[in-house]
Amino acid sequence: MATTSNYSAAAALLAEAGQITVLTGAGISTESGIPDFRGPQGVWTTDPAAAALFDLDTYLSDVDVRRRVWRMRREHSAWTAEPNAAHRAITEADREGRLRGLITQNIDGLHQAAGTDPQRVMEVHGTIHYVVCMSCGTRTPTPEVLARLDDESDPHCLACGGVQKADTISFGQRLDPEVLDAAAAATADCRAFVTIGTSLTVHPVAGLCDIALERDIPLIIVNADPTPYDAAAAATVRDPIGEAVPNLLREALAARN
């Protein structure tokens, strides 16, 4: 399938499609003030050593790393960020019955904050809004754990004393197979697969594009930079996400109503 690198082709494809499945990456949340990892001002770009803080074995074995991570969690921009126009546009598509599924690589919870049905949101990299005990599996709302940081620099599980971490996926940690299965099913069962703000370089999530392509489902890519799937996409859009996504979905909804 030839790529058309323009807005009008993407708008036409979305207007023709029924239900769509959306995959979002860090790029959709940068306009809400949440930095990405690999971009020019990304967390790992500006501080390469920070990548080690996301390694599971290092986290479990080094109390100083855990203490630094807990401080970072308390200061994370997700606690004050608000959904932007792109998040809200996806929510509107959901309310109009056009959203088959929303797969996100983000941990910030902004899709749910925007009002998208949580039952349709698949968080493949977990969520910052909960903490999990690595020993007994107890999940605790993150604010309850952060409230202990003034007295405990490395707060352990109140149920069993085990090490706790944010319920997010670290390097060396398996993605939840049930979430991946749900994401694959939502990709295979849509009429257009839209990726927004993701480099499509991290697998297995990037491989969802292959599921769509194998089934001749149009792949629409909205991203500032080129991705490995551009040549196979039905359309690519380079316009700013906060403008492109609301405009595309608004036109698609208008055309179907």
Protein backbone atom coordinates (compact mmCIF):
# COMPACT_ATOMS: atom_id res chain seq x y z
CA MET A 1 0.00 0.00 0.00
CA ALA A 2 1.53 3.29 -1.08
CA THR A 3 2.04 6.05 1.45
CA THR A 4 0.37 9.42 1.00
CA SER A 5 2.05 11.99 3.21
CA ASN A 6 -0.76 14.46 3.63
CA TYR A 7 -3.62 15.41 5.85
CA SER A 8 -6.41 15.03 3.30
CA ALA A 9 -5.68 11.35 2.65
CA ALA A 10 -5.78 10.57 6.37
CA ALA A 11 -9.02 12.51 6.79
CA ALA A 12 -10.65 10.62 3.92
CA LEU A 13 -9.61 7.25 5.30
CA LEU A 14 -10.97 8.07 8.74
CA ALA A 15 -14.23 9.33 7.24
CA GLU A 16 -14.68 6.04 5.38
CA ALA A 17 -13.81 3.88 8.37
CA GLY A 18 -16.28 2.70 10.96
CA GLN A 19 -14.66 1.87 14.26
CA ILE A 20 -11.01 2.79 14.69
CA THR A 21 -8.31 1.60 17.04
CA VAL A 22 -5.77 4.15 18.25
CA LEU A 23 -2.22 3.59 19.52
CA THR A 24 -0.68 6.52 21.38
CA GLY A 25 2.87 7.20 22.49
CA ALA A 26 4.69 9.90 24.41
CA GLY A 27 4.19 12.47 21.66
CA ILE A 28 0.53 12.93 22.48
CA SER A 29 1.32 13.97 26.05
CA THR A 30 4.22 16.35 25.45
CA GLU A 31 1.74 19.16 24.78
CA SER A 32 0.38 18.49 28.27
CA GLY A 33 3.83 19.16 29.70
CA ILE A 34 4.97 15.57 30.09
CA PRO A 35 8.43 15.06 28.54
CA ASP A 36 9.11 12.05 26.36
CA PHE A 37 12.15 9.80 26.75
CA ARG A 38 13.93 9.83 23.41
CA GLY A 39 13.10 13.25 21.94
CA PRO A 40 15.45 16.26 21.85
CA GLN A 41 14.37 17.27 25.37
CA GLY A 42 13.56 13.73 26.48
CA VAL A 43 14.37 12.35 29.91
CA TRP A 44 17.06 10.01 28.60
CA THR A 45 18.41 12.55 26.10
CA THR A 46 19.06 15.21 28.70
CA ASP A 47 20.19 12.71 31.35
CA PRO A 48 21.48 9.46 29.77
CA ALA A 49 22.22 7.98 33.19
CA ALA A 50 18.51 8.15 34.03
CA ALA A 51 17.83 5.13 31.83
CA ALA A 52 19.46 2.92 34.48
CA LEU A 53 16.75 3.96 36.92
CA PHE A 54 14.21 2.09 34.79
CA ASP A 55 16.04 -1.26 35.00
CA LEU A 56 14.16 -3.74 37.18
CA ASP A 57 17.15 -5.59 38.60
CA THR A 58 18.92 -2.34 39.47
CA TYR A 59 15.80 -1.00 41.14
CA LEU A 60 15.29 -4.12 43.25
CA SER A 61 18.91 -4.42 44.34
CA ASP A 62 19.92 -0.78 44.97
CA VAL A 63 18.17 1.16 47.73
CA ASP A 64 19.76 4.43 46.57
CA VAL A 65 18.22 3.96 43.14
CA ARG A 66 14.84 3.33 44.71
CA ARG A 67 15.14 6.47 46.79
CA ARG A 68 15.94 8.53 43.70
CA VAL A 69 13.08 6.97 41.76
CA TRP A 70 10.61 7.71 44.54
CA ARG A 71 11.68 11.37 44.52
CA MET A 72 11.23 11.43 40.75
CA ARG A 73 7.79 9.87 41.07
CA ARG A 74 6.69 12.52 43.55
CA GLU A 75 7.86 15.27 41.18
CA HIS A 76 6.42 13.70 38.02
CA SER A 77 4.55 16.12 35.80
CA ALA A 78 1.63 13.68 35.48
CA TRP A 79 0.28 14.88 38.84
CA THR A 80 -0.44 18.37 37.48
CA ALA A 81 -0.85 17.68 33.75
CA GLU A 82 -4.20 18.15 32.04
CA PRO A 83 -5.48 16.35 28.92
CA ASN A 84 -4.91 18.34 25.75
CA ALA A 85 -6.99 18.75 22.61
CA ALA A 86 -5.76 15.46 21.14
CA HIS A 87 -6.77 13.48 24.23
CA ARG A 88 -10.17 15.15 24.21
CA ALA A 89 -10.70 14.45 20.50
CA ILE A 90 -10.16 10.73 21.06
CA THR A 91 -12.65 10.86 23.92
CA GLU A 92 -15.19 12.45 21.59
CA ALA A 93 -14.66 9.63 19.08
CA ASP A 94 -15.29 7.19 21.92
CA ARG A 95 -18.52 8.93 22.89
CA GLU A 96 -19.66 8.81 19.27
CA GLY A 97 -19.15 5.04 19.21
CA ARG A 98 -16.23 5.18 16.81
CA LEU A 99 -13.49 3.88 19.12
CA ARG A 100 -12.88 0.11 19.07
CA GLY A 101 -9.93 0.40 21.41
CA LEU A 102 -7.28 2.78 22.72
CA ILE A 103 -3.83 1.29 23.21
CA THR A 104 -1.36 3.56 24.96
CA GLN A 105 2.33 3.32 25.75
CA ASN A 106 1.88 6.18 28.21
CA ILE A 107 1.63 5.77 31.97
CA ASP A 108 0.12 9.18 32.74
CA GLY A 109 -3.61 8.31 32.71
CA LEU A 110 -4.50 11.37 30.63
CA HIS A 111 -6.80 9.42 28.31
CA GLN A 112 -8.97 8.39 31.25
CA ALA A 113 -8.75 11.91 32.68
CA ALA A 114 -10.10 13.20 29.36
CA GLY A 115 -13.12 10.93 29.76
CA THR A 116 -12.35 7.98 27.50
CA ASP A 117 -14.03 4.83 28.82
CA PRO A 118 -11.39 3.06 30.95
CA GLN A 119 -12.72 -0.28 29.66
CA ARG A 120 -11.44 0.65 26.21
CA VAL A 121 -8.00 1.83 27.37
CA MET A 122 -5.14 -0.69 27.25
CA GLU A 123 -2.07 0.57 29.13
CA VAL A 124 0.68 -1.65 27.74
CA HIS A 125 3.40 -0.03 29.86
CA GLY A 126 1.31 0.18 33.03
CA THR A 127 0.29 3.22 35.06
CA ILE A 128 1.94 5.68 37.39
CA HIS A 129 -1.28 5.97 39.36
CA TYR A 130 -0.76 2.69 41.24
CA VAL A 131 2.13 1.11 43.12
CA VAL A 132 2.60 -2.66 43.25
CA CYS A 133 4.44 -4.78 45.80
CA MET A 134 7.02 -6.95 44.05
CA SER A 135 6.60 -9.66 46.71
CA CYS A 136 2.88 -10.07 47.39
CA GLY A 137 1.35 -8.13 44.48
CA THR A 138 -0.66 -5.69 46.61
CA ARG A 139 -1.65 -2.63 44.55
CA THR A 140 -1.93 0.72 46.30
CA PRO A 141 -2.94 4.12 44.91
CA THR A 142 0.30 6.01 44.33
CA PRO A 143 -0.67 9.13 46.35
CA GLU A 144 -0.98 6.95 49.46
CA VAL A 145 2.62 5.80 49.05
CA LEU A 146 3.99 9.21 48.10
CA ALA A 147 2.46 10.63 51.28
CA ARG A 148 4.89 8.45 53.27
CA LEU A 149 8.02 9.87 51.64
CA ASP A 150 8.54 12.59 54.23
CA ASP A 151 9.15 9.86 56.80
CA GLU A 152 10.30 6.95 54.62
CA SER A 153 12.71 7.42 51.72
CA ASP A 154 12.04 3.89 50.45
CA PRO A 155 8.49 2.99 51.49
CA HIS A 156 7.92 -0.75 51.63
CA CYS A 157 4.65 -2.67 51.36
CA LEU A 158 2.46 -2.29 54.45
CA ALA A 159 1.02 -5.76 53.90
CA CYS A 160 4.22 -7.81 53.73
CA GLY A 161 7.23 -5.48 53.92
CA GLY A 162 8.24 -6.14 50.32
CA VAL A 163 9.80 -3.71 47.86
CA GLN A 164 7.26 -1.55 46.04
CA LYS A 165 7.49 0.13 42.65
CA ALA A 166 5.19 2.04 40.39
CA ASP A 167 2.91 -0.31 38.46
CA THR A 168 4.79 0.43 35.25
CA ILE A 169 6.92 -1.76 33.02
CA SER A 170 10.65 -1.51 33.63
CA PHE A 171 13.50 -2.80 31.51
CA GLY A 172 13.77 -6.51 32.19
CA GLN A 173 10.09 -6.82 33.07
CA ARG A 174 7.53 -8.64 30.91
CA LEU A 175 4.56 -6.84 29.48
CA ASP A 176 1.21 -8.15 30.66
CA PRO A 177 0.23 -10.85 28.11
CA GLU A 178 -3.49 -10.22 28.70
CA VAL A 179 -3.08 -6.53 27.82
CA LEU A 180 -1.06 -7.44 24.74
CA ASP A 181 -3.70 -9.94 23.65
CA ALA A 182 -6.43 -7.34 24.08
CA ALA A 183 -4.39 -4.83 22.08
CA ALA A 184 -3.87 -7.33 19.27
CA ALA A 185 -7.59 -8.14 19.21
CA ALA A 186 -8.54 -4.45 19.07
CA THR A 187 -6.10 -3.93 16.20
CA ALA A 188 -7.42 -6.86 14.19
CA ASP A 189 -11.03 -5.82 14.76
CA CYS A 190 -11.03 -2.23 13.49
CA ARG A 191 -11.49 -0.44 10.17
CA ALA A 192 -8.53 1.91 10.56
CA PHE A 193 -5.49 1.74 12.83
CA VAL A 194 -4.18 5.14 13.89
CA THR A 195 -0.84 5.66 15.62
CA ILE A 196 -0.26 8.99 17.33
CA GLY A 197 2.97 10.33 18.78
CA THR A 198 4.92 7.09 18.78
CA SER A 199 8.19 6.30 17.03
CA LEU A 200 7.02 2.73 16.34
CA THR A 201 10.45 1.39 17.25
CA VAL A 202 9.61 -0.38 20.53
CA HIS A 203 8.41 -3.96 20.14
CA PRO A 204 6.19 -5.84 20.61
CA VAL A 205 3.85 -2.83 20.59
CA ALA A 206 5.13 -1.55 17.24
CA GLY A 207 4.28 -4.96 15.81
CA LEU A 208 0.59 -4.10 16.12
CA CYS A 209 1.10 -2.23 12.86
CA ASP A 210 1.96 -5.55 11.23
CA ILE A 211 -1.33 -7.02 12.43
CA ALA A 212 -3.20 -4.17 10.75
CA LEU A 213 -1.20 -4.40 7.54
CA GLU A 214 -1.63 -8.18 7.27
CA ARG A 215 -5.39 -7.65 7.34
CA ASP A 216 -5.36 -4.74 4.87
CA ILE A 217 -6.53 -2.37 7.59
CA PRO A 218 -5.43 1.17 6.69
CA LEU A 219 -2.52 2.35 8.84
CA ILE A 220 -2.51 6.08 9.57
CA ILE A 221 0.56 7.54 11.26
CA VAL A 222 0.50 10.91 13.03
CA ASN A 223 4.01 11.69 14.23
CA ALA A 224 6.47 14.55 13.95
CA ASP A 225 9.35 12.32 12.84
CA PRO A 226 9.60 9.45 10.35
CA THR A 227 8.89 5.92 11.60
CA PRO A 228 9.90 2.49 10.27
CA TYR A 229 6.31 1.95 9.10
CA ASP A 230 5.88 5.10 7.02
CA ALA A 231 6.45 3.32 3.71
CA ALA A 232 3.70 0.82 4.45
CA ALA A 233 1.20 3.33 5.85
CA ALA A 234 -1.88 4.44 3.94
CA ALA A 235 -1.24 8.01 5.11
CA THR A 236 1.18 9.90 7.32
CA VAL A 237 0.64 13.26 8.97
CA ARG A 238 3.48 15.42 10.28
CA ASP A 239 1.33 18.31 11.56
CA PRO A 240 1.42 19.08 15.31
CA ILE A 241 -0.57 16.44 17.18
CA GLY A 242 -2.60 18.96 19.16
CA GLU A 243 -3.92 20.37 15.89
CA ALA A 244 -3.93 17.36 13.56
CA VAL A 245 -5.74 14.84 15.74
CA PRO A 246 -8.72 17.06 16.69
CA ASN A 247 -9.10 18.21 13.08
CA LEU A 248 -8.87 14.71 11.64
CA LEU A 249 -11.33 13.19 14.07
CA ARG A 250 -13.71 16.15 13.82
CA GLU A 251 -13.89 15.73 10.04
CA ALA A 252 -14.29 11.97 10.33
CA LEU A 253 -17.15 12.29 12.82
CA ALA A 254 -18.87 14.96 10.74
CA ALA A 255 -18.66 12.80 7.61
CA ARG A 256 -20.30 9.82 9.37
CA ASN A 257 -23.14 11.80 10.99
